[in-house]
Amino acid sequence: MPLTPTPMAPSIDDPIDLLLACHDKVRRFTTLSLRLRDHVEHEGADAQAADAAQSILRYFDMAAPLHHDDEDLDLFPALKSLGHAELNARIDEISAQHDSLGGLWQALRPWLIALTEGHATATPSTLDAFVHQYQDHARHEESDLYPWARQLTPDQILRISQAMVRRRSS
């Protein structure tokens, strides 16, 4: 089984579609992280491991922060404008997870960087937590928050979409 992910182009017509596509990539790259650990244990830090590590680094260093900004700066404030206290509390809880996920990511980065340089170092003990917490986080956003976007106005959706496009164009 190859260690390279299958590319997927997100749609920019609907910001929720773009966010869902990002979550698909989160699942793909976190799963790839687990496969990479197994690969390195059996094959070492070979070229295939270096390529996989580089792909994971690229996604979580570049795309994941943009995704979190899409939510924290645009989607979540729009959802909060709906004025539902329970929703707002859930948004605060889920948004706070972005910081803890970032901390888990920072613990994983040195291992991946070493692999890109051909060095097999000990896999961080936080890898499983990173994978499971990120996947759970995405699942909860999809089930608990994203459905509320149907209540946003077309103008709100357009503003969110435009901000997301601008963020990726800068």
C-alpha atoms as a PDB file:
ATOM      1  CA  MET A   1       0.000   0.000   0.000  1.00  0.00           C
ATOM      2  CA  PRO A   2       1.561   3.331  -1.057  1.00  0.00           C
ATOM      3  CA  LEU A   3       2.230   6.012   1.505  1.00  0.00           C
ATOM      4  CA  THR A   4       1.170   8.875  -0.755  1.00  0.00           C
ATOM      5  CA  PRO A   5      -2.306  10.365  -0.346  1.00  0.00           C
ATOM      6  CA  THR A   6      -4.821  10.591  -3.153  1.00  0.00           C
ATOM      7  CA  PRO A   7      -5.259  14.268  -4.118  1.00  0.00           C
ATOM      8  CA  MET A   8      -8.691  15.844  -3.753  1.00  0.00           C
ATOM      9  CA  ALA A   9      -9.635  19.308  -4.970  1.00  0.00           C
ATOM     10  CA  PRO A  10     -12.020  21.125  -2.625  1.00  0.00           C
ATOM     11  CA  SER A  11     -14.953  23.088  -3.988  1.00  0.00           C
ATOM     12  CA  ILE A  12     -14.959  26.829  -3.294  1.00  0.00           C
ATOM     13  CA  ASP A  13     -18.586  27.307  -4.317  1.00  0.00           C
ATOM     14  CA  ASP A  14     -19.833  26.448  -0.844  1.00  0.00           C
ATOM     15  CA  PRO A  15     -17.652  27.118   2.200  1.00  0.00           C
ATOM     16  CA  ILE A  16     -19.066  24.104   4.031  1.00  0.00           C
ATOM     17  CA  ASP A  17     -18.042  21.874   1.100  1.00  0.00           C
ATOM     18  CA  LEU A  18     -14.523  23.295   1.366  1.00  0.00           C
ATOM     19  CA  LEU A  19     -14.431  22.670   5.114  1.00  0.00           C
ATOM     20  CA  LEU A  20     -15.712  19.118   4.636  1.00  0.00           C
ATOM     21  CA  ALA A  21     -13.025  18.510   2.005  1.00  0.00           C
ATOM     22  CA  CYS A  22     -10.458  19.715   4.533  1.00  0.00           C
ATOM     23  CA  HIS A  23     -11.805  17.223   7.043  1.00  0.00           C
ATOM     24  CA  ASP A  24     -11.421  14.463   4.468  1.00  0.00           C
ATOM     25  CA  LYS A  25      -7.782  15.493   4.179  1.00  0.00           C
ATOM     26  CA  VAL A  26      -7.407  15.551   7.970  1.00  0.00           C
ATOM     27  CA  ARG A  27      -8.637  11.967   8.064  1.00  0.00           C
ATOM     28  CA  ARG A  28      -6.386  10.981   5.161  1.00  0.00           C
ATOM     29  CA  PHE A  29      -3.228  12.586   6.560  1.00  0.00           C
ATOM     30  CA  THR A  30      -3.780  11.449  10.151  1.00  0.00           C
ATOM     31  CA  THR A  31      -4.309   7.899   8.899  1.00  0.00           C
ATOM     32  CA  LEU A  32      -1.205   8.278   6.751  1.00  0.00           C
ATOM     33  CA  SER A  33       0.681   9.238   9.937  1.00  0.00           C
ATOM     34  CA  LEU A  34      -0.216   5.886  11.492  1.00  0.00           C
ATOM     35  CA  ARG A  35       0.745   4.025   8.328  1.00  0.00           C
ATOM     36  CA  LEU A  36       4.001   5.963   8.247  1.00  0.00           C
ATOM     37  CA  ARG A  37       4.829   4.862  11.785  1.00  0.00           C
ATOM     38  CA  ASP A  38       4.307   1.228  10.753  1.00  0.00           C
ATOM     39  CA  HIS A  39       6.297   1.702   7.565  1.00  0.00           C
ATOM     40  CA  VAL A  40       9.256   3.232   9.410  1.00  0.00           C
ATOM     41  CA  GLU A  41       9.221   0.394  11.951  1.00  0.00           C
ATOM     42  CA  HIS A  42       9.574  -2.167   9.131  1.00  0.00           C
ATOM     43  CA  GLU A  43      11.380  -0.299   6.342  1.00  0.00           C
ATOM     44  CA  GLY A  44      13.169   2.556   8.094  1.00  0.00           C
ATOM     45  CA  ALA A  45      13.389   6.174   6.975  1.00  0.00           C
ATOM     46  CA  ASP A  46      13.484   5.431   3.258  1.00  0.00           C
ATOM     47  CA  ALA A  47      12.472   7.690   0.357  1.00  0.00           C
ATOM     48  CA  GLN A  48       8.834   6.595   0.611  1.00  0.00           C
ATOM     49  CA  ALA A  49       8.776   7.556   4.304  1.00  0.00           C
ATOM     50  CA  ALA A  50      10.384  10.919   3.518  1.00  0.00           C
ATOM     51  CA  ASP A  51       7.762  11.660   0.856  1.00  0.00           C
ATOM     52  CA  ALA A  52       4.892  10.721   3.172  1.00  0.00           C
ATOM     53  CA  ALA A  53       6.345  12.778   6.020  1.00  0.00           C
ATOM     54  CA  GLN A  54       6.720  15.777   3.689  1.00  0.00           C
ATOM     55  CA  SER A  55       3.075  15.467   2.602  1.00  0.00           C
ATOM     56  CA  ILE A  56       1.880  15.353   6.197  1.00  0.00           C
ATOM     57  CA  LEU A  57       4.047  18.335   7.135  1.00  0.00           C
ATOM     58  CA  ARG A  58       2.785  20.344   4.179  1.00  0.00           C
ATOM     59  CA  TYR A  59      -0.855  19.720   5.054  1.00  0.00           C
ATOM     60  CA  PHE A  60      -0.658  20.417   8.789  1.00  0.00           C
ATOM     61  CA  ASP A  61       1.787  23.323   8.472  1.00  0.00           C
ATOM     62  CA  MET A  62      -0.055  25.107   5.665  1.00  0.00           C
ATOM     63  CA  ALA A  63      -3.627  23.947   5.077  1.00  0.00           C
ATOM     64  CA  ALA A  64      -4.735  23.066   8.620  1.00  0.00           C
ATOM     65  CA  PRO A  65      -4.004  26.561  10.019  1.00  0.00           C
ATOM     66  CA  LEU A  66      -5.991  28.095   7.141  1.00  0.00           C
ATOM     67  CA  HIS A  67      -8.851  25.719   7.910  1.00  0.00           C
ATOM     68  CA  HIS A  68      -8.835  26.691  11.587  1.00  0.00           C
ATOM     69  CA  ASP A  69      -8.861  30.372  10.596  1.00  0.00           C
ATOM     70  CA  ASP A  70     -11.785  29.707   8.244  1.00  0.00           C
ATOM     71  CA  GLU A  71     -13.718  28.409  11.199  1.00  0.00           C
ATOM     72  CA  ASP A  72     -12.511  30.689  13.997  1.00  0.00           C
ATOM     73  CA  LEU A  73     -12.542  33.939  12.021  1.00  0.00           C
ATOM     74  CA  ASP A  74     -15.474  33.426   9.681  1.00  0.00           C
ATOM     75  CA  LEU A  75     -17.772  30.437  10.146  1.00  0.00           C
ATOM     76  CA  PHE A  76     -17.977  30.348  13.930  1.00  0.00           C
ATOM     77  CA  PRO A  77     -18.718  34.083  14.347  1.00  0.00           C
ATOM     78  CA  ALA A  78     -21.446  33.771  11.697  1.00  0.00           C
ATOM     79  CA  LEU A  79     -22.922  30.775  13.521  1.00  0.00           C
ATOM     80  CA  LYS A  80     -22.774  32.645  16.819  1.00  0.00           C
ATOM     81  CA  SER A  81     -24.827  35.412  15.233  1.00  0.00           C
ATOM     82  CA  LEU A  82     -27.728  32.943  15.127  1.00  0.00           C
ATOM     83  CA  GLY A  83     -28.042  33.540  18.873  1.00  0.00           C
ATOM     84  CA  HIS A  84     -28.390  29.964  20.149  1.00  0.00           C
ATOM     85  CA  ALA A  85     -26.780  29.666  23.595  1.00  0.00           C
ATOM     86  CA  GLU A  86     -26.164  25.905  23.370  1.00  0.00           C
ATOM     87  CA  LEU A  87     -24.634  26.265  19.906  1.00  0.00           C
ATOM     88  CA  ASN A  88     -22.414  29.121  21.096  1.00  0.00           C
ATOM     89  CA  ALA A  89     -21.168  27.042  24.023  1.00  0.00           C
ATOM     90  CA  ARG A  90     -20.396  24.132  21.695  1.00  0.00           C
ATOM     91  CA  ILE A  91     -18.585  26.471  19.288  1.00  0.00           C
ATOM     92  CA  ASP A  92     -16.410  27.753  22.153  1.00  0.00           C
ATOM     93  CA  GLU A  93     -15.607  24.213  23.238  1.00  0.00           C
ATOM     94  CA  ILE A  94     -14.736  22.985  19.757  1.00  0.00           C
ATOM     95  CA  SER A  95     -12.809  26.138  18.858  1.00  0.00           C
ATOM     96  CA  ALA A  96     -10.670  25.749  21.994  1.00  0.00           C
ATOM     97  CA  GLN A  97      -9.612  22.339  20.704  1.00  0.00           C
ATOM     98  CA  HIS A  98      -7.720  24.055  17.885  1.00  0.00           C
ATOM     99  CA  ASP A  99      -5.045  25.091  20.400  1.00  0.00           C
ATOM    100  CA  SER A 100      -4.684  21.620  21.916  1.00  0.00           C
ATOM    101  CA  LEU A 101      -4.526  20.062  18.442  1.00  0.00           C
ATOM    102  CA  GLY A 102      -1.845  22.584  17.554  1.00  0.00           C
ATOM    103  CA  GLY A 103       0.164  21.497  20.576  1.00  0.00           C
ATOM    104  CA  LEU A 104      -0.100  17.850  19.572  1.00  0.00           C
ATOM    105  CA  TRP A 105       0.973  18.806  16.061  1.00  0.00           C
ATOM    106  CA  GLN A 106       4.059  20.636  17.353  1.00  0.00           C
ATOM    107  CA  ALA A 107       5.073  17.496  19.265  1.00  0.00           C
ATOM    108  CA  LEU A 108       4.824  15.449  16.054  1.00  0.00           C
ATOM    109  CA  ARG A 109       6.678  17.823  13.706  1.00  0.00           C
ATOM    110  CA  PRO A 110      10.282  17.019  14.753  1.00  0.00           C
ATOM    111  CA  TRP A 111       9.711  13.319  14.045  1.00  0.00           C
ATOM    112  CA  LEU A 112       8.343  14.087  10.588  1.00  0.00           C
ATOM    113  CA  ILE A 113      11.126  16.564   9.831  1.00  0.00           C
ATOM    114  CA  ALA A 114      13.715  13.938  10.783  1.00  0.00           C
ATOM    115  CA  LEU A 115      12.027  11.452   8.442  1.00  0.00           C
ATOM    116  CA  THR A 116      12.177  13.943   5.556  1.00  0.00           C
ATOM    117  CA  GLU A 117      15.925  14.079   6.182  1.00  0.00           C
ATOM    118  CA  GLY A 118      16.235  10.278   6.192  1.00  0.00           C
ATOM    119  CA  HIS A 119      16.556   9.855   9.956  1.00  0.00           C
ATOM    120  CA  ALA A 120      14.376   7.399  11.840  1.00  0.00           C
ATOM    121  CA  THR A 121      13.836   8.735  15.349  1.00  0.00           C
ATOM    122  CA  ALA A 122      11.498   7.466  18.031  1.00  0.00           C
ATOM    123  CA  THR A 123       7.860   7.984  17.164  1.00  0.00           C
ATOM    124  CA  PRO A 124       6.338  10.563  19.526  1.00  0.00           C
ATOM    125  CA  SER A 125       4.111   9.076  22.186  1.00  0.00           C
ATOM    126  CA  THR A 126       1.507  11.673  21.202  1.00  0.00           C
ATOM    127  CA  LEU A 127       0.943  10.292  17.680  1.00  0.00           C
ATOM    128  CA  ASP A 128      -2.132   8.241  18.592  1.00  0.00           C
ATOM    129  CA  ALA A 129      -3.639  11.135  20.556  1.00  0.00           C
ATOM    130  CA  PHE A 130      -3.002  13.482  17.614  1.00  0.00           C
ATOM    131  CA  VAL A 131      -4.718  11.130  15.178  1.00  0.00           C
ATOM    132  CA  HIS A 132      -7.706  10.260  17.330  1.00  0.00           C
ATOM    133  CA  GLN A 133      -8.316  13.758  18.701  1.00  0.00           C
ATOM    134  CA  TYR A 134      -8.075  15.360  15.251  1.00  0.00           C
ATOM    135  CA  GLN A 135     -10.455  12.827  13.730  1.00  0.00           C
ATOM    136  CA  ASP A 136     -12.909  13.198  16.634  1.00  0.00           C
ATOM    137  CA  HIS A 137     -12.666  16.980  16.352  1.00  0.00           C
ATOM    138  CA  ALA A 138     -13.564  16.895  12.659  1.00  0.00           C
ATOM    139  CA  ARG A 139     -16.443  14.498  13.294  1.00  0.00           C
ATOM    140  CA  HIS A 140     -17.879  16.756  16.021  1.00  0.00           C
ATOM    141  CA  GLU A 141     -17.611  19.866  13.867  1.00  0.00           C
ATOM    142  CA  GLU A 142     -19.470  18.051  11.097  1.00  0.00           C
ATOM    143  CA  SER A 143     -22.232  16.741  13.353  1.00  0.00           C
ATOM    144  CA  ASP A 144     -22.566  19.528  15.941  1.00  0.00           C
ATOM    145  CA  LEU A 145     -21.729  22.756  14.087  1.00  0.00           C
ATOM    146  CA  TYR A 146     -21.780  22.559  10.304  1.00  0.00           C
ATOM    147  CA  PRO A 147     -25.496  21.672  10.016  1.00  0.00           C
ATOM    148  CA  TRP A 148     -26.291  25.066  11.570  1.00  0.00           C
ATOM    149  CA  ALA A 149     -24.784  26.772   8.508  1.00  0.00           C
ATOM    150  CA  ARG A 150     -28.051  26.035   6.672  1.00  0.00           C
ATOM    151  CA  GLN A 151     -29.569  28.809   8.803  1.00  0.00           C
ATOM    152  CA  LEU A 152     -27.070  31.429   7.599  1.00  0.00           C
ATOM    153  CA  THR A 153     -28.172  33.925   4.984  1.00  0.00           C
ATOM    154  CA  PRO A 154     -26.825  33.755   1.426  1.00  0.00           C
ATOM    155  CA  ASP A 155     -24.887  36.967   2.156  1.00  0.00           C
ATOM    156  CA  GLN A 156     -23.236  35.399   5.207  1.00  0.00           C
ATOM    157  CA  ILE A 157     -22.294  32.308   3.190  1.00  0.00           C
ATOM    158  CA  LEU A 158     -20.871  34.497   0.426  1.00  0.00           C
ATOM    159  CA  ARG A 159     -18.776  36.518   2.924  1.00  0.00           C
ATOM    160  CA  ILE A 160     -17.412  33.311   4.470  1.00  0.00           C
ATOM    161  CA  SER A 161     -16.578  31.901   1.050  1.00  0.00           C
ATOM    162  CA  GLN A 162     -14.892  35.132  -0.091  1.00  0.00           C
ATOM    163  CA  ALA A 163     -12.798  35.254   3.083  1.00  0.00           C
ATOM    164  CA  MET A 164     -11.709  31.669   2.584  1.00  0.00           C
ATOM    165  CA  VAL A 165     -10.697  32.338  -1.002  1.00  0.00           C
ATOM    166  CA  ARG A 166      -8.837  35.527   0.009  1.00  0.00           C
ATOM    167  CA  ARG A 167      -7.003  33.644   2.744  1.00  0.00           C
ATOM    168  CA  ARG A 168      -5.731  31.129   0.212  1.00  0.00           C
ATOM    169  CA  SER A 169      -4.836  33.782  -2.359  1.00  0.00           C
ATOM    170  CA  SER A 170      -2.580  35.848  -0.101  1.00  0.00           C
END
